[in-house]
Amino acid sequence: MLRKRFAFAAVALALIAGLLPTGQNGQAQDSLQAQATAYFSEGPRTLEAADLFENLNDGDPENDPYIISLRSAEDYARGHIPGAVNMNIKEMFTLDSLATIPPDRDVVVVCYTGQTAGQATAALNMLGYEAYSLLHGMSSWTGDPEVFVKRFDPEKHANDYFVETEAHSPAGPYELPSPLVVDMAGAAEAYFSQGPRTIEAASVFENLNDGDPENDPYIISLRSAEDYAKGHIPGAVNMNVKEMFTLDNLATIPPDRDVVLVCYTGQTAGQAAAALNMLGYDAYSLLFGMSSWTGDPEIFVKRFDPEKHTNDYFVEVEAHSPGGPYALPFSVSSVQEPAPEPAPELAAEAPAAEAPAQNCLSCHTNQDLLQAIAVEEEAPASEESSGEG
């Protein structure tokens, strides 16, 4: 966890912001897009349990990160990483809640399996914090089922759905959608107040095979080009998350269709999904990634393995209260309001290499269908704050 990365991102953001065009809606979209580009250009920030444990036990409490548990209050009480505070993801991005997070300390976000923490981590970094998502969540910190509560289980979560090897090219250019709210803080609060958007493999499979191609989502694989070539969900295009949020690449994503993001285990896709939603897309992260779509190790390549990824680190049950209020690392708009409608002009055209023939899934989406099958609606009440089912 190096603070110099934060400084680099800040410089990159300033440079990008200075080069982008301005306009009524363009200014709002460009600002959020620039923040997304600055953050994702270095790759999503994650942290392994072993590195966090070493940091907490190096004898120097001055460098300890601020740890936020997004699990339910009930599960937080069963056991949490020492020093962690508990927050509800749906309330986390209010200005009052953000003011409890120290802006001069690294932040580690923890959930059950890393899906929800990843989404929160992306937003925190775009707001100016230096945040990291704990890879595989609490299921990587402890092997005690009474404490981790739930984790990826191939017997329950892995399927054997069809994959294809045919590559699909991005389409566009499309007009960029309006962001949820004109400023970053408002967009984060607007999105997370409804709970992070995730979707199960069974729901995507059902959607793709319901006989109605008009409601098929636009699927983006964030895995390496090599692993994408080994096999991917039918119709998926391949993108590099480090380049995904440039204006040219965003212009290849249809704004009038639901978007499903796929990675290896859901960690990276979760971060990208949060940013896309704040930018105005309707995006969902595939829970547990490609490891939930197929049980073929040649195709999923890597997934959560308790033999490799689970530790037996100490947990505590003592509750900790948030601190603050601290100064926010971003400017606050006097009024947080929905962004105005975009001007009737197309986004900048993608380079020729990135704008070949139309994708085979060029159709509109039934918004009600994926909303109805979103996993967050199925989460038990006691796990409301996890958002990951």
Protein backbone atom coordinates (compact mmCIF):
# COMPACT_ATOMS: atom_id res chain seq x y z
CA MET A 1 0.00 0.00 0.00
CA LEU A 2 2.08 2.87 -1.27
CA ARG A 3 0.85 6.41 -0.89
CA LYS A 4 2.93 7.47 -3.87
CA ARG A 5 0.27 5.75 -6.01
CA PHE A 6 -2.24 8.24 -4.68
CA ALA A 7 0.00 11.12 -5.61
CA PHE A 8 0.47 9.73 -9.11
CA ALA A 9 -3.25 9.27 -9.56
CA ALA A 10 -3.89 12.85 -8.43
CA VAL A 11 -1.39 14.19 -10.95
CA ALA A 12 -2.82 12.00 -13.69
CA LEU A 13 -6.33 13.16 -12.86
CA ALA A 14 -5.29 16.80 -13.01
CA LEU A 15 -3.61 16.29 -16.38
CA ILE A 16 -6.55 14.39 -17.82
CA ALA A 17 -9.08 16.90 -16.52
CA GLY A 18 -7.12 19.72 -18.10
CA LEU A 19 -7.19 18.07 -21.50
CA LEU A 20 -10.85 17.14 -21.64
CA PRO A 21 -13.51 19.34 -23.25
CA THR A 22 -16.08 21.14 -21.15
CA GLY A 23 -19.80 21.74 -21.59
CA GLN A 24 -22.99 21.48 -19.57
CA ASN A 25 -23.36 17.70 -19.52
CA GLY A 26 -19.90 17.12 -20.97
CA GLN A 27 -18.31 18.75 -17.93
CA ALA A 28 -20.11 16.40 -15.53
CA GLN A 29 -19.43 13.29 -17.61
CA ASP A 30 -15.83 14.28 -18.32
CA SER A 31 -15.12 14.88 -14.64
CA LEU A 32 -16.33 11.46 -13.54
CA GLN A 33 -14.78 9.80 -16.58
CA ALA A 34 -11.44 11.45 -15.83
CA GLN A 35 -11.56 10.22 -12.24
CA ALA A 36 -12.33 6.70 -13.44
CA THR A 37 -9.53 6.81 -16.01
CA ALA A 38 -7.02 8.10 -13.46
CA TYR A 39 -7.84 5.32 -11.02
CA PHE A 40 -8.27 2.32 -13.33
CA SER A 41 -5.27 3.19 -15.51
CA GLU A 42 -3.04 1.71 -12.79
CA GLY A 43 -5.30 -1.27 -12.20
CA PRO A 44 -7.88 -1.88 -9.45
CA ARG A 45 -6.47 -1.81 -5.93
CA THR A 46 -6.73 -5.04 -4.00
CA LEU A 47 -4.86 -6.45 -1.02
CA GLU A 48 -4.20 -10.00 0.11
CA ALA A 49 -4.96 -11.08 3.66
CA ALA A 50 -1.30 -11.99 4.31
CA ASP A 51 -0.18 -8.44 3.44
CA LEU A 52 -2.81 -6.90 5.69
CA PHE A 53 -1.86 -9.21 8.56
CA GLU A 54 1.81 -8.30 8.16
CA ASN A 55 0.96 -4.61 8.13
CA LEU A 56 -1.10 -4.87 11.32
CA ASN A 57 1.64 -6.80 13.11
CA ASP A 58 4.80 -5.00 12.04
CA GLY A 59 5.10 -3.20 15.38
CA ASP A 60 4.32 0.20 13.87
CA PRO A 61 0.71 1.22 14.58
CA GLU A 62 1.31 4.50 12.76
CA ASN A 63 1.04 2.76 9.40
CA ASP A 64 -2.03 0.68 10.21
CA PRO A 65 -4.82 1.12 7.67
CA TYR A 66 -8.35 2.15 8.50
CA ILE A 67 -10.43 -1.01 8.08
CA ILE A 68 -14.11 -0.92 7.12
CA SER A 69 -16.27 -4.03 7.36
CA LEU A 70 -19.29 -3.97 5.04
CA ARG A 71 -20.78 -7.16 6.43
CA SER A 72 -24.04 -7.14 8.34
CA ALA A 73 -23.95 -5.88 11.93
CA GLU A 74 -24.81 -9.39 13.09
CA ASP A 75 -21.89 -10.98 11.25
CA TYR A 76 -19.54 -8.16 12.26
CA ALA A 77 -20.38 -8.98 15.88
CA ARG A 78 -19.44 -12.63 15.34
CA GLY A 79 -15.89 -11.60 14.54
CA HIS A 80 -13.98 -9.08 12.47
CA ILE A 81 -10.44 -8.01 11.65
CA PRO A 82 -8.94 -6.21 14.67
CA GLY A 83 -9.76 -2.51 14.64
CA ALA A 84 -12.39 -2.70 11.90
CA VAL A 85 -15.45 -0.46 12.03
CA ASN A 86 -18.78 -1.57 10.61
CA MET A 87 -20.61 0.36 7.91
CA ASN A 88 -23.69 -0.28 5.77
CA ILE A 89 -22.82 -0.06 2.07
CA LYS A 90 -26.15 1.66 1.33
CA GLU A 91 -25.29 4.49 3.74
CA MET A 92 -21.52 4.59 3.27
CA PHE A 93 -21.41 7.35 0.67
CA THR A 94 -23.42 10.00 2.44
CA LEU A 95 -21.26 12.99 3.26
CA ASP A 96 -21.65 12.33 6.99
CA SER A 97 -20.44 8.75 6.62
CA LEU A 98 -17.54 9.70 4.35
CA ALA A 99 -16.45 12.26 6.96
CA THR A 100 -15.73 9.38 9.36
CA ILE A 101 -13.02 8.00 7.04
CA PRO A 102 -9.56 9.52 7.63
CA PRO A 103 -8.28 10.83 4.27
CA ASP A 104 -4.62 10.57 5.30
CA ARG A 105 -4.65 6.81 5.97
CA ASP A 106 -4.88 3.82 3.69
CA VAL A 107 -8.33 2.27 3.79
CA VAL A 108 -9.02 -1.47 3.54
CA VAL A 109 -12.58 -2.48 2.71
CA VAL A 110 -13.79 -5.95 3.76
CA CYS A 111 -16.97 -7.87 2.91
CA TYR A 112 -17.73 -11.59 2.67
CA THR A 113 -16.03 -12.55 -0.60
CA GLY A 114 -14.68 -9.30 -2.07
CA GLN A 115 -17.59 -8.57 -4.41
CA THR A 116 -19.14 -5.65 -2.52
CA ALA A 117 -15.86 -4.36 -1.10
CA GLY A 118 -14.53 -4.10 -4.63
CA GLN A 119 -17.38 -1.85 -5.71
CA ALA A 120 -16.94 0.42 -2.68
CA THR A 121 -13.17 0.54 -3.20
CA ALA A 122 -13.49 1.88 -6.72
CA ALA A 123 -15.76 4.71 -5.58
CA LEU A 124 -13.54 5.61 -2.63
CA ASN A 125 -10.49 5.88 -4.87
CA MET A 126 -12.36 7.99 -7.40
CA LEU A 127 -13.30 10.30 -4.51
CA GLY A 128 -9.66 10.76 -3.50
CA TYR A 129 -9.13 8.14 -0.80
CA GLU A 130 -6.46 5.47 -1.10
CA ALA A 131 -8.53 2.35 -0.64
CA TYR A 132 -7.93 -1.36 -1.16
CA SER A 133 -10.38 -4.24 -1.35
CA LEU A 134 -9.46 -7.33 0.66
CA LEU A 135 -9.21 -10.14 -1.89
CA HIS A 136 -11.88 -12.76 -1.26
CA GLY A 137 -13.06 -10.83 1.78
CA MET A 138 -13.45 -12.36 5.21
CA SER A 139 -13.30 -15.84 3.68
CA SER A 140 -9.57 -15.24 3.10
CA TRP A 141 -8.94 -13.98 6.65
CA THR A 142 -10.39 -16.92 8.55
CA GLY A 143 -11.42 -20.51 7.94
CA ASP A 144 -13.99 -20.46 10.72
CA PRO A 145 -17.42 -20.82 9.09
CA GLU A 146 -19.03 -19.16 12.10
CA VAL A 147 -17.04 -16.03 11.28
CA PHE A 148 -16.67 -15.91 7.49
CA VAL A 149 -20.34 -17.01 7.19
CA LYS A 150 -20.27 -17.50 3.41
CA ARG A 151 -17.71 -17.94 0.67
CA PHE A 152 -17.34 -19.29 -2.85
CA ASP A 153 -18.18 -22.99 -2.95
CA PRO A 154 -17.78 -24.76 -6.30
CA GLU A 155 -20.40 -27.30 -5.28
CA LYS A 156 -22.95 -24.52 -4.91
CA HIS A 157 -21.77 -21.74 -7.20
CA ALA A 158 -19.96 -23.33 -10.17
CA ASN A 159 -21.99 -24.25 -13.26
CA ASP A 160 -21.20 -26.02 -16.51
CA TYR A 161 -22.58 -23.54 -19.03
CA PHE A 162 -21.56 -23.33 -22.67
CA VAL A 163 -18.58 -21.17 -23.63
CA GLU A 164 -17.35 -20.08 -27.04
CA THR A 165 -13.96 -19.16 -28.43
CA GLU A 166 -15.11 -16.86 -31.23
CA ALA A 167 -13.90 -13.34 -30.58
CA HIS A 168 -16.34 -10.42 -30.73
CA SER A 169 -15.34 -6.85 -31.49
CA PRO A 170 -16.69 -3.78 -29.68
CA ALA A 171 -19.16 -1.66 -31.62
CA GLY A 172 -20.06 2.02 -31.49
CA PRO A 173 -19.33 4.79 -31.18
CA TYR A 174 -22.34 5.44 -28.97
CA GLU A 175 -23.38 8.61 -27.20
CA LEU A 176 -22.23 8.56 -23.60
CA PRO A 177 -25.01 8.48 -20.98
CA SER A 178 -25.49 11.18 -18.37
CA PRO A 179 -23.88 10.38 -15.01
CA LEU A 180 -26.25 9.66 -12.12
CA VAL A 181 -25.42 13.03 -10.52
CA VAL A 182 -23.18 15.82 -11.77
CA ASP A 183 -20.55 15.41 -9.04
CA MET A 184 -18.65 12.31 -7.99
CA ALA A 185 -19.87 12.26 -4.37
CA GLY A 186 -23.49 12.60 -5.43
CA ALA A 187 -23.14 9.89 -8.06
CA ALA A 188 -21.63 7.49 -5.50
CA GLU A 189 -24.41 8.14 -2.99
CA ALA A 190 -27.10 7.77 -5.65
CA TYR A 191 -25.74 4.43 -6.83
CA PHE A 192 -24.84 2.76 -3.54
CA SER A 193 -28.02 3.88 -1.77
CA GLN A 194 -29.82 1.21 -3.81
CA GLY A 195 -27.20 -1.45 -3.09
CA PRO A 196 -24.39 -2.61 -5.42
CA ARG A 197 -25.53 -4.40 -8.55
CA THR A 198 -24.46 -8.02 -8.96
CA ILE A 199 -25.95 -10.94 -10.87
CA GLU A 200 -25.65 -14.72 -10.62
CA ALA A 201 -24.49 -16.94 -13.47
CA ALA A 202 -27.82 -18.77 -13.53
CA SER A 203 -29.66 -15.51 -14.14
CA VAL A 204 -27.38 -14.51 -17.03
CA PHE A 205 -27.71 -17.99 -18.54
CA GLU A 206 -31.50 -17.83 -18.29
CA ASN A 207 -31.53 -14.38 -19.85
CA LEU A 208 -29.35 -15.46 -22.79
CA ASN A 209 -31.49 -18.54 -23.42
CA ASP A 210 -35.02 -17.20 -22.99
CA GLY A 211 -35.60 -17.08 -26.74
CA ASP A 212 -35.67 -13.28 -26.84
CA PRO A 213 -32.35 -11.84 -28.09
CA GLU A 214 -33.78 -8.34 -27.74
CA ASN A 215 -33.21 -8.43 -23.98
CA ASP A 216 -29.70 -9.90 -24.02
CA PRO A 217 -27.18 -7.85 -22.01
CA TYR A 218 -23.92 -6.53 -23.40
CA ILE A 219 -21.23 -8.72 -21.84
CA ILE A 220 -17.69 -7.49 -21.23
CA SER A 221 -14.92 -9.88 -20.24
CA LEU A 222 -12.13 -8.21 -18.27
CA ARG A 223 -9.90 -11.25 -18.30
CA SER A 224 -6.63 -11.39 -20.23
CA ALA A 225 -6.82 -11.72 -24.00
CA GLU A 226 -5.18 -15.13 -23.68
CA ASP A 227 -7.78 -16.43 -21.21
CA TYR A 228 -10.63 -14.84 -23.17
CA ALA A 229 -9.47 -16.87 -26.18
CA LYS A 230 -9.62 -20.09 -24.16
CA GLY A 231 -13.36 -19.61 -23.69
CA HIS A 232 -15.85 -16.92 -22.71
CA ILE A 233 -19.56 -16.36 -22.23
CA PRO A 234 -21.28 -16.31 -25.64
CA GLY A 235 -21.26 -12.86 -27.19
CA ALA A 236 -18.77 -11.34 -24.73
CA VAL A 237 -16.27 -8.75 -25.92
CA ASN A 238 -12.85 -8.46 -24.32
CA MET A 239 -11.55 -5.26 -22.71
CA ASN A 240 -8.58 -4.33 -20.56
CA VAL A 241 -9.81 -2.71 -17.35
CA LYS A 242 -6.81 -0.34 -17.37
CA GLU A 243 -8.01 1.11 -20.68
CA MET A 244 -11.75 0.64 -20.23
CA PHE A 245 -12.60 4.16 -19.06
CA THR A 246 -11.06 6.17 -21.86
CA LEU A 247 -13.61 8.11 -23.86
CA ASP A 248 -12.98 5.95 -26.91
CA ASN A 249 -13.59 2.69 -25.07
CA LEU A 250 -16.62 3.94 -23.16
CA ALA A 251 -18.11 4.93 -26.53
CA THR A 252 -18.13 1.24 -27.53
CA ILE A 253 -20.55 0.35 -24.70
CA PRO A 254 -24.23 0.72 -25.67
CA PRO A 255 -25.90 2.99 -23.09
CA ASP A 256 -29.39 1.57 -23.72
CA ARG A 257 -28.56 -2.02 -22.79
CA ASP A 258 -27.76 -3.70 -19.51
CA VAL A 259 -24.08 -4.48 -19.15
CA VAL A 260 -22.67 -7.59 -17.44
CA LEU A 261 -19.00 -7.49 -16.44
CA VAL A 262 -17.03 -10.71 -16.06
CA CYS A 263 -13.58 -11.32 -14.62
CA TYR A 264 -12.04 -14.32 -12.86
CA THR A 265 -13.62 -14.18 -9.39
CA GLY A 266 -15.72 -11.00 -9.36
CA GLN A 267 -13.15 -8.73 -7.74
CA THR A 268 -12.18 -6.64 -10.78
CA ALA A 269 -15.61 -6.75 -12.40
CA GLY A 270 -17.14 -5.39 -9.19
CA GLN A 271 -14.88 -2.36 -9.23
CA ALA A 272 -15.60 -1.66 -12.91
CA ALA A 273 -19.35 -2.14 -12.42
CA ALA A 274 -19.48 0.53 -9.72
CA ALA A 275 -17.72 3.07 -11.93
CA LEU A 276 -19.93 2.31 -14.94
CA ASN A 277 -23.09 2.73 -12.87
CA MET A 278 -21.94 6.08 -11.54
CA LEU A 279 -21.24 7.13 -15.12
CA GLY A 280 -24.85 6.35 -16.03
CA TYR A 281 -24.74 2.79 -17.37
CA ASP A 282 -26.84 -0.08 -15.99
CA ALA A 283 -24.04 -2.49 -15.15
CA TYR A 284 -23.90 -5.71 -13.15
CA SER A 285 -20.91 -7.66 -11.89
CA LEU A 286 -21.09 -11.44 -12.39
CA LEU A 287 -20.84 -12.96 -8.92
CA PHE A 288 -17.64 -15.00 -8.60
CA GLY A 289 -16.79 -14.28 -12.21
CA MET A 290 -15.92 -16.97 -14.73
CA SER A 291 -15.40 -19.44 -11.89
CA SER A 292 -19.18 -19.47 -11.45
CA TRP A 293 -19.92 -19.93 -15.15
CA THR A 294 -17.82 -23.02 -15.74
CA GLY A 295 -16.14 -25.75 -13.73
CA ASP A 296 -13.47 -26.32 -16.40
CA PRO A 297 -10.10 -25.25 -14.92
CA GLU A 298 -8.73 -24.70 -18.42
CA ILE A 299 -11.31 -21.96 -18.88
CA PHE A 300 -11.91 -20.36 -15.47
CA VAL A 301 -8.10 -20.46 -14.96
CA LYS A 302 -8.22 -19.30 -11.35
CA ARG A 303 -10.76 -19.13 -8.56
CA PHE A 304 -11.03 -18.95 -4.79
CA ASP A 305 -9.44 -22.02 -3.22
CA PRO A 306 -9.67 -22.38 0.58
CA GLU A 307 -6.50 -24.48 0.54
CA LYS A 308 -4.55 -21.61 -1.00
CA HIS A 309 -6.38 -18.45 0.00
CA THR A 310 -7.78 -19.05 3.49
CA ASN A 311 -5.83 -18.13 6.60
CA ASP A 312 -6.43 -18.54 10.31
CA TYR A 313 -5.78 -15.03 11.55
CA PHE A 314 -7.04 -13.59 14.81
CA VAL A 315 -10.45 -11.93 14.92
CA GLU A 316 -12.05 -9.83 17.61
CA VAL A 317 -15.61 -9.17 18.66
CA GLU A 318 -15.12 -5.75 20.23
CA ALA A 319 -17.01 -3.13 18.27
CA HIS A 320 -15.23 0.02 17.12
CA SER A 321 -16.91 3.34 16.43
CA PRO A 322 -16.09 5.49 13.40
CA GLY A 323 -13.99 8.58 14.06
CA GLY A 324 -14.05 12.05 12.60
CA PRO A 325 -15.42 14.21 11.34
CA TYR A 326 -12.49 14.56 8.97
CA ALA A 327 -12.01 16.90 6.05
CA LEU A 328 -13.22 15.33 2.82
CA PRO A 329 -10.59 14.74 0.10
CA PHE A 330 -12.88 16.22 -2.55
CA SER A 331 -14.87 19.39 -3.08
CA VAL A 332 -18.57 19.27 -2.27
CA SER A 333 -21.15 20.73 -4.63
CA SER A 334 -23.63 23.09 -3.00
CA VAL A 335 -26.43 21.11 -4.63
CA GLN A 336 -26.23 17.50 -5.67
CA GLU A 337 -28.64 17.08 -8.55
CA PRO A 338 -29.13 14.68 -11.45
CA ALA A 339 -26.98 15.46 -14.45
CA PRO A 340 -28.68 17.29 -17.34
CA GLU A 341 -29.58 15.39 -20.47
CA PRO A 342 -26.63 14.92 -22.85
CA ALA A 343 -26.29 17.13 -25.90
CA PRO A 344 -27.43 15.42 -29.12
CA GLU A 345 -23.96 14.55 -30.33
CA LEU A 346 -21.95 11.36 -30.47
CA ALA A 347 -18.92 10.72 -28.34
CA ALA A 348 -15.56 10.86 -30.07
CA GLU A 349 -15.16 8.00 -32.50
CA ALA A 350 -13.05 5.08 -31.40
CA PRO A 351 -9.82 4.40 -33.32
CA ALA A 352 -10.28 2.24 -36.37
CA ALA A 353 -8.70 -0.73 -34.62
CA GLU A 354 -11.32 -0.58 -31.93
CA ALA A 355 -14.44 0.08 -34.02
CA PRO A 356 -14.99 -2.83 -36.37
CA ALA A 357 -18.31 -4.43 -37.31
CA GLN A 358 -21.30 -4.34 -34.98
CA ASN A 359 -21.34 -6.84 -32.14
CA CYS A 360 -23.71 -9.74 -32.68
CA LEU A 361 -25.66 -8.73 -29.58
CA SER A 362 -26.83 -5.37 -30.89
CA CYS A 363 -30.27 -5.14 -29.33
CA HIS A 364 -32.18 -3.37 -26.60
CA THR A 365 -32.54 -4.65 -23.09
CA ASN A 366 -35.56 -5.37 -20.98
CA GLN A 367 -34.56 -3.40 -17.89
CA ASP A 368 -37.18 -5.05 -15.70
CA LEU A 369 -35.79 -8.52 -16.30
CA LEU A 370 -32.29 -8.04 -14.93
CA GLN A 371 -33.57 -5.77 -12.19
CA ALA A 372 -35.86 -8.57 -11.07
CA ILE A 373 -33.06 -11.12 -10.99
CA ALA A 374 -30.38 -8.94 -9.40
CA VAL A 375 -28.84 -10.86 -6.55
CA GLU A 376 -29.15 -8.03 -4.08
CA GLU A 377 -32.92 -8.50 -4.05
CA GLU A 378 -32.43 -12.09 -2.86
CA ALA A 379 -30.14 -11.27 0.07
CA PRO A 380 -31.50 -12.18 3.53
CA ALA A 381 -32.31 -9.24 5.76
CA SER A 382 -29.45 -10.05 8.15
CA GLU A 383 -26.98 -9.70 5.25
CA GLU A 384 -28.40 -6.52 3.78
CA SER A 385 -25.17 -4.56 4.00
CA SER A 386 -23.13 -7.13 2.06
CA GLY A 387 -25.00 -6.68 -1.20
CA GLU A 388 -23.44 -9.87 -2.54
CA GLY A 389 -25.98 -12.54 -1.65
